Protein backbone atom coordinates (compact mmCIF):
# COMPACT_ATOMS: atom_id res chain seq x y z
CA MET A 1 -13.01 8.43 -16.12
CA LYS A 2 -14.38 9.49 -12.74
CA ILE A 3 -12.10 8.45 -9.87
CA ALA A 4 -12.29 8.98 -6.12
CA VAL A 5 -9.17 8.75 -3.97
CA MET A 6 -10.14 7.58 -0.49
CA GLY A 7 -7.16 8.54 1.65
CA THR A 8 -5.18 11.44 0.19
CA GLY A 9 -1.90 10.56 1.87
CA ALA A 10 1.49 10.17 0.23
CA MET A 11 0.46 7.26 -1.97
CA GLY A 12 -3.14 8.15 -2.74
CA GLY A 13 -2.41 11.84 -3.17
CA TYR A 14 0.48 11.16 -5.53
CA LEU A 15 -1.50 8.73 -7.68
CA GLY A 16 -4.55 10.99 -7.72
CA ALA A 17 -2.47 14.00 -8.73
CA ARG A 18 -0.84 12.06 -11.56
CA LEU A 19 -4.23 10.87 -12.81
CA ALA A 20 -5.79 14.35 -12.54
CA GLY A 21 -2.83 15.77 -14.45
CA GLY A 22 -3.48 13.16 -17.13
CA GLY A 23 -7.08 14.24 -17.60
CA ALA A 24 -9.08 12.08 -15.19
CA ASP A 25 -11.93 13.55 -13.16
CA VAL A 26 -10.44 12.96 -9.70
CA SER A 27 -12.04 13.73 -6.34
CA PHE A 28 -9.87 13.60 -3.23
CA ILE A 29 -11.30 12.52 0.12
CA ALA A 30 -9.28 13.95 2.98
CA ARG A 31 -9.79 15.61 6.36
CA GLY A 32 -8.51 18.27 8.71
CA ALA A 33 -5.80 20.73 7.73
CA HIS A 34 -4.85 18.62 4.70
CA LEU A 35 -8.37 18.95 3.30
CA THR A 36 -8.50 22.69 4.02
CA ALA A 37 -5.19 23.29 2.25
CA ILE A 38 -6.22 21.25 -0.81
CA ARG A 39 -9.47 23.20 -1.08
CA GLU A 40 -7.79 26.57 -0.69
CA ARG A 41 -4.50 26.11 -2.56
CA GLY A 42 -4.82 22.83 -4.47
CA LEU A 43 -2.77 19.65 -4.09
CA ARG A 44 0.95 20.13 -4.67
CA VAL A 45 3.35 17.26 -5.38
CA THR A 46 7.12 17.60 -5.53
CA SER A 47 8.78 14.72 -7.34
CA PRO A 48 12.01 13.72 -9.10
CA LEU A 49 9.72 12.98 -12.06
CA GLY A 50 8.39 16.52 -12.16
CA ASP A 51 6.40 18.69 -9.77
CA MET A 52 2.62 19.04 -10.05
CA LEU A 53 -0.04 21.39 -8.78
CA ILE A 54 -3.65 20.30 -9.08
CA ALA A 55 -5.59 23.52 -8.60
CA PRO A 56 -8.43 23.80 -8.21
CA ALA A 57 -8.77 20.31 -6.77
CA SER A 58 -12.07 18.60 -6.01
CA ALA A 59 -11.80 17.62 -2.35
CA SER A 60 -14.26 16.60 0.34
CA ASP A 61 -14.57 14.67 3.59
CA ASP A 62 -18.00 13.32 2.57
CA PRO A 63 -18.30 10.55 -0.05
CA ALA A 64 -22.01 11.35 -0.44
CA ALA A 65 -21.06 14.78 -1.79
CA ILE A 66 -19.19 13.04 -4.62
CA GLY A 67 -21.55 10.17 -5.44
CA PRO A 68 -20.91 7.04 -7.54
CA VAL A 69 -17.66 6.92 -9.51
CA ASP A 70 -16.03 4.57 -11.99
CA LEU A 71 -13.17 3.66 -9.66
CA VAL A 72 -12.34 4.15 -6.00
CA LEU A 73 -8.65 4.09 -5.11
CA LEU A 74 -8.72 2.80 -1.54
CA ALA A 75 -5.47 4.23 -0.17
CA VAL A 76 -5.91 4.10 3.60
CA LYS A 77 -3.85 2.11 6.08
CA MET A 78 -4.80 -1.50 6.69
CA TYR A 79 -5.92 -0.85 10.27
CA ASP A 80 -8.59 1.57 8.98
CA LEU A 81 -9.79 -0.56 6.08
CA GLN A 82 -12.87 -2.20 7.59
CA ALA A 83 -14.39 1.09 8.76
CA VAL A 84 -13.40 2.98 5.61
CA ALA A 85 -14.77 0.27 3.32
CA GLU A 86 -18.18 0.89 4.89
CA PHE A 87 -17.69 4.67 4.70
CA ILE A 88 -17.26 4.67 0.90
CA ARG A 89 -20.69 3.17 0.11
CA PRO A 90 -21.98 6.42 -1.48
CA LEU A 91 -19.13 6.17 -4.02
CA VAL A 92 -20.04 2.65 -5.10
CA GLY A 93 -22.45 2.26 -7.99
CA GLU A 94 -23.46 -0.82 -9.93
CA ALA A 95 -20.32 -0.78 -12.12
CA THR A 96 -17.83 0.80 -9.70
CA GLY A 97 -14.45 -0.86 -9.23
CA ILE A 98 -12.68 -0.63 -5.86
CA VAL A 99 -8.88 -0.82 -6.03
CA THR A 100 -7.28 -2.04 -2.80
CA LEU A 101 -3.83 -0.51 -2.31
CA GLN A 102 -3.17 -1.65 1.26
CA ASN A 103 -0.02 -3.32 2.53
CA GLY A 104 -0.50 -6.96 3.49
CA VAL A 105 -2.66 -9.65 1.90
CA ASP A 106 -6.09 -9.27 3.53
CA ALA A 107 -7.58 -6.20 1.81
CA PRO A 108 -9.16 -7.79 -1.30
CA GLY A 109 -11.02 -10.32 0.85
CA ILE A 110 -12.38 -7.62 3.16
CA VAL A 111 -13.64 -5.47 0.27
CA ALA A 112 -15.04 -8.46 -1.65
CA GLY A 113 -16.94 -9.48 1.47
CA LEU A 114 -18.75 -6.14 1.42
CA TYR A 115 -19.12 -5.40 -2.30
CA GLY A 116 -18.47 -8.68 -4.13
CA ALA A 117 -15.51 -9.97 -6.12
CA ALA A 118 -16.73 -8.38 -9.35
CA ARG A 119 -16.23 -4.91 -7.87
CA THR A 120 -12.92 -5.74 -6.15
CA ILE A 121 -9.60 -4.99 -7.86
CA GLY A 122 -6.42 -6.03 -6.11
CA GLY A 123 -3.54 -3.58 -6.22
CA VAL A 124 0.16 -3.45 -5.47
CA CYS A 125 1.53 0.07 -5.16
CA LEU A 126 5.26 0.77 -4.97
CA ILE A 127 5.54 4.49 -4.24
CA ASN A 128 7.69 6.12 -1.58
CA GLY A 129 6.72 9.55 -0.33
CA GLU A 130 5.35 11.57 2.57
CA ILE A 131 3.07 14.47 3.42
CA VAL A 132 5.49 17.29 4.25
CA ALA A 133 2.86 19.97 4.90
CA PRO A 134 -0.92 20.26 4.59
CA GLY A 135 -1.72 20.02 0.89
CA VAL A 136 1.88 19.13 -0.04
CA ILE A 137 3.17 15.65 -0.88
CA GLN A 138 6.82 14.86 -1.46
CA HIS A 139 7.35 11.90 -3.78
CA ASN A 140 10.79 10.41 -3.17
CA ALA A 141 11.14 7.23 -5.23
CA LEU A 142 9.34 4.38 -6.99
CA ASN A 143 6.43 4.91 -9.35
CA ALA A 144 4.85 1.50 -9.95
CA LEU A 145 1.28 0.25 -9.78
CA VAL A 146 0.06 -3.29 -10.50
CA VAL A 147 -3.67 -4.05 -10.57
CA GLY A 148 -5.70 -7.14 -11.29
CA GLU A 149 -9.20 -8.52 -11.15
CA THR A 150 -10.05 -10.82 -8.26
CA ASP A 151 -12.94 -12.60 -10.02
CA GLY A 152 -11.02 -14.25 -12.88
CA ALA A 153 -11.43 -11.52 -15.49
CA ALA A 154 -7.67 -11.02 -15.53
CA GLU A 155 -7.31 -14.23 -17.51
CA ASP A 156 -8.79 -12.35 -20.46
CA GLY A 157 -6.57 -9.30 -19.98
CA GLY A 158 -8.79 -7.58 -17.43
CA SER A 159 -12.13 -5.81 -17.72
CA GLU A 160 -12.64 -2.88 -20.04
CA ARG A 161 -12.90 -0.68 -16.96
CA LEU A 162 -9.49 -1.83 -15.73
CA ARG A 163 -7.84 -1.55 -19.15
CA ARG A 164 -9.06 2.04 -19.45
CA PHE A 165 -7.70 2.85 -16.01
CA VAL A 166 -4.25 1.40 -16.73
CA GLU A 167 -4.06 3.21 -20.07
CA LEU A 168 -4.89 6.46 -18.27
CA ALA A 169 -2.34 5.79 -15.53
CA VAL A 170 0.42 5.07 -18.05
CA ALA A 171 -0.46 8.18 -20.03
CA SER A 172 -0.29 10.13 -16.74
CA GLY A 173 3.28 8.97 -16.07
CA VAL A 174 2.68 6.01 -13.74
CA GLU A 175 4.38 2.68 -14.46
CA ALA A 176 1.14 0.71 -14.38
CA ARG A 177 0.22 -2.75 -15.63
CA ILE A 178 -2.49 -5.40 -15.30
CA SER A 179 -1.47 -8.56 -13.50
CA PRO A 180 -2.71 -11.94 -14.73
CA ASP A 181 -2.41 -13.17 -11.11
CA ILE A 182 -2.81 -10.29 -8.68
CA ARG A 183 -2.79 -12.61 -5.68
CA LEU A 184 0.73 -13.70 -6.56
CA ASP A 185 1.84 -10.08 -6.96
CA ILE A 186 0.32 -9.16 -3.59
CA TRP A 187 2.21 -12.00 -1.88
CA ARG A 188 5.40 -11.03 -3.72
CA LYS A 189 5.19 -7.62 -2.09
CA MET A 190 4.44 -9.28 1.23
CA MET A 191 7.71 -11.24 0.92
CA LEU A 192 9.54 -7.92 0.88
CA LEU A 193 7.42 -5.77 3.13
CA ALA A 194 6.66 -8.02 6.09
CA PRO A 195 10.28 -8.98 6.91
CA LEU A 196 12.15 -5.94 5.56
CA GLY A 197 9.62 -3.45 6.88
CA SER A 198 9.65 -5.05 10.31
CA LEU A 199 13.45 -5.25 10.51
CA SER A 200 13.79 -1.63 9.36
CA ALA A 201 11.48 -0.56 12.19
CA MET A 202 13.15 -2.73 14.82
CA ILE A 203 16.69 -1.63 13.93
CA GLY A 204 15.78 2.02 13.40
CA LEU A 205 18.49 2.68 10.81
CA PRO A 206 18.43 3.34 7.05
CA HIS A 207 18.87 0.32 4.79
CA GLU A 208 22.64 0.74 4.57
CA GLY A 209 22.87 0.35 8.34
CA TYR A 210 22.09 -3.37 8.23
CA ARG A 211 22.20 -4.48 4.58
CA ASP A 212 25.87 -5.55 4.66
CA ARG A 213 25.89 -6.95 8.19
CA THR A 214 25.73 -10.74 7.92
CA ALA A 215 23.82 -11.38 11.12
CA SER A 216 21.21 -8.74 10.25
CA TRP A 217 20.77 -9.87 6.67
CA ARG A 218 20.21 -13.44 7.79
CA LEU A 219 17.08 -12.15 9.51
CA VAL A 220 15.82 -10.75 6.20
CA GLU A 221 16.43 -14.12 4.53
CA MET A 222 14.69 -15.91 7.37
CA GLY A 223 11.68 -13.64 7.14
CA VAL A 224 11.38 -13.90 3.36
CA ARG A 225 11.42 -17.69 3.56
CA GLU A 226 8.75 -17.66 6.25
CA VAL A 227 6.44 -15.56 4.08
CA ALA A 228 7.07 -17.85 1.10
CA ALA A 229 6.24 -20.95 3.15
CA VAL A 230 3.04 -19.40 4.49
CA GLY A 231 2.06 -18.19 1.01
CA ARG A 232 2.56 -21.65 -0.46
CA ALA A 233 0.24 -23.02 2.21
CA GLN A 234 -2.33 -20.51 0.89
CA GLY A 235 -1.89 -21.86 -2.64
CA VAL A 236 0.41 -19.12 -3.92
CA ALA A 237 3.34 -20.23 -6.12
CA LEU A 238 6.26 -18.77 -4.16
CA ASP A 239 9.08 -21.08 -5.19
CA GLU A 240 12.85 -20.75 -4.72
CA ALA A 241 13.13 -18.48 -7.77
CA GLU A 242 10.58 -16.10 -6.23
CA ILE A 243 12.52 -16.12 -2.95
CA GLU A 244 15.79 -15.27 -4.69
CA SER A 245 14.09 -12.51 -6.66
CA ALA A 246 12.67 -11.00 -3.46
CA LEU A 247 16.05 -11.09 -1.74
CA LYS A 248 17.69 -9.44 -4.75
CA LEU A 249 15.11 -6.65 -4.70
CA ALA A 250 15.52 -6.27 -0.95
CA ARG A 251 19.28 -5.85 -1.18
CA ALA A 252 18.88 -3.30 -4.01
CA MET A 253 16.75 -0.90 -1.95
CA PRO A 254 18.30 2.61 -1.80
CA PRO A 255 20.86 3.02 1.02
CA SER A 256 18.76 5.72 2.68
CA TRP A 257 15.51 3.74 2.52
CA LYS A 258 13.39 3.24 5.62
CA SER A 259 10.16 1.32 5.65
CA SER A 260 6.87 3.12 6.19
CA LEU A 261 6.58 1.04 9.36
CA ALA A 262 9.86 2.52 10.61
CA VAL A 263 8.83 6.08 9.72
CA ASP A 264 5.44 5.65 11.41
CA LEU A 265 7.18 4.34 14.53
CA GLU A 266 9.61 7.27 14.60
CA GLN A 267 6.79 9.77 14.23
CA GLY A 268 4.55 8.19 16.83
CA ARG A 269 1.84 7.11 14.41
CA ARG A 270 -0.16 3.90 14.45
CA LEU A 271 1.57 0.84 12.99
CA GLU A 272 0.34 -1.71 10.46
CA VAL A 273 2.16 -4.49 12.30
CA ASP A 274 -0.95 -6.67 12.72
CA GLY A 275 -1.52 -6.68 8.96
CA LEU A 276 2.12 -7.54 8.20
CA ALA A 277 4.02 -9.62 10.77
CA GLY A 278 0.72 -10.38 12.51
CA ALA A 279 -0.84 -11.79 9.34
CA ILE A 280 2.14 -14.07 8.69
CA CYS A 281 1.96 -15.36 12.27
CA ARG A 282 -1.79 -15.90 11.97
CA TYR A 283 -1.72 -17.72 8.63
CA GLY A 284 1.36 -19.65 9.70
CA GLU A 285 -0.35 -20.90 12.84
CA GLN A 286 -3.39 -21.98 10.84
CA ALA A 287 -1.16 -23.98 8.49
CA GLY A 288 1.11 -25.40 11.20
CA ILE A 289 4.13 -23.41 9.94
CA GLU A 290 6.61 -21.92 12.38
CA THR A 291 7.31 -18.21 11.83
CA PRO A 292 9.91 -17.28 14.48
CA PHE A 293 11.17 -14.08 12.81
CA HIS A 294 7.68 -12.66 12.44
CA ARG A 295 6.74 -13.69 15.98
CA VAL A 296 9.69 -11.66 17.30
CA ALA A 297 8.72 -8.75 15.03
CA LEU A 298 5.10 -8.88 16.19
CA GLY A 299 6.08 -9.10 19.83
CA THR A 300 8.56 -6.22 19.50
CA LEU A 301 6.39 -3.83 17.51
CA GLN A 302 2.86 -4.59 18.65
CA PRO A 303 3.22 -2.63 21.93
CA HIS A 304 3.76 0.48 19.76
CA ALA A 305 0.92 -0.28 17.32
CA GLY A 306 -1.38 2.32 18.82
CA GLY A 307 1.08 5.17 18.23
CA GLY A 308 2.39 7.79 20.61
CA ALA A 309 5.77 9.50 20.16
CA GLU A 310 6.85 8.75 23.72
CA ARG A 311 6.67 5.03 23.05
CA PHE A 312 9.39 5.18 20.42
CA MET A 313 11.85 6.37 23.04
CA VAL A 314 11.75 2.92 24.62
CA LEU A 315 13.50 1.50 21.56
CA ARG A 316 16.14 4.20 21.44
């Protein structure tokens, strides 16, 4: 199977390395010093599940140099998605599937608007890691990938293309599965990520710093319930059992965990706040649902959305 990874960051690089190690023909699209290092020394991954070195690694900054593939793993940040979705056109052939791995709930719709629902595969990726040096990715925790068709094919167990991909991912050591309702799985992640990610960034402490503080945890509960209410207004079945499951998962996060939003804020990078808290505020307003937690999160974090290390000092 020929796969292109668009965005060779912590998540995309880790998945691509696993798949390449499992025998897939993987091309990595990267840029700058990261691209140079991958070309010269390969892509190295350190992981509790076993270290990997993909060398030589096929890497480029030009999708046209790769050409059409079976699957594109779209692993860029949400704020870059629109531009990058246009950029990958040379990778997209008549039967190419495009797997959206973005945080938030908007990515499948954006990609389907450009390439059609039949090419669009929704994804939920639970992988925690970081680029620690050019060409080097450190995988810290979590190893799960859920994918599903957005055009109804999932009702029959997914397309042959998607079944082959999941079989390859599992054989490569990734905990992958096909979802019969990928929209529900995407909103399940949103119930965790929008409130917990925002609170982690606003507080600026590891998970253990606020998990057992009643006043702080009430904010997590408030945020989870807001996402569930907004999701239900979108036709997603987020009932009380789903809420309790999300809260249980949230409390069980490792004590040292920080959200990617918090890490990006600390390091002065751009923030995905508009695709997380901003999306809940936007959909909530459309449905007439109040979202006070996410409005505070959006108002607090949006001034830092453009990045810049000096801006983080305001919160400290």
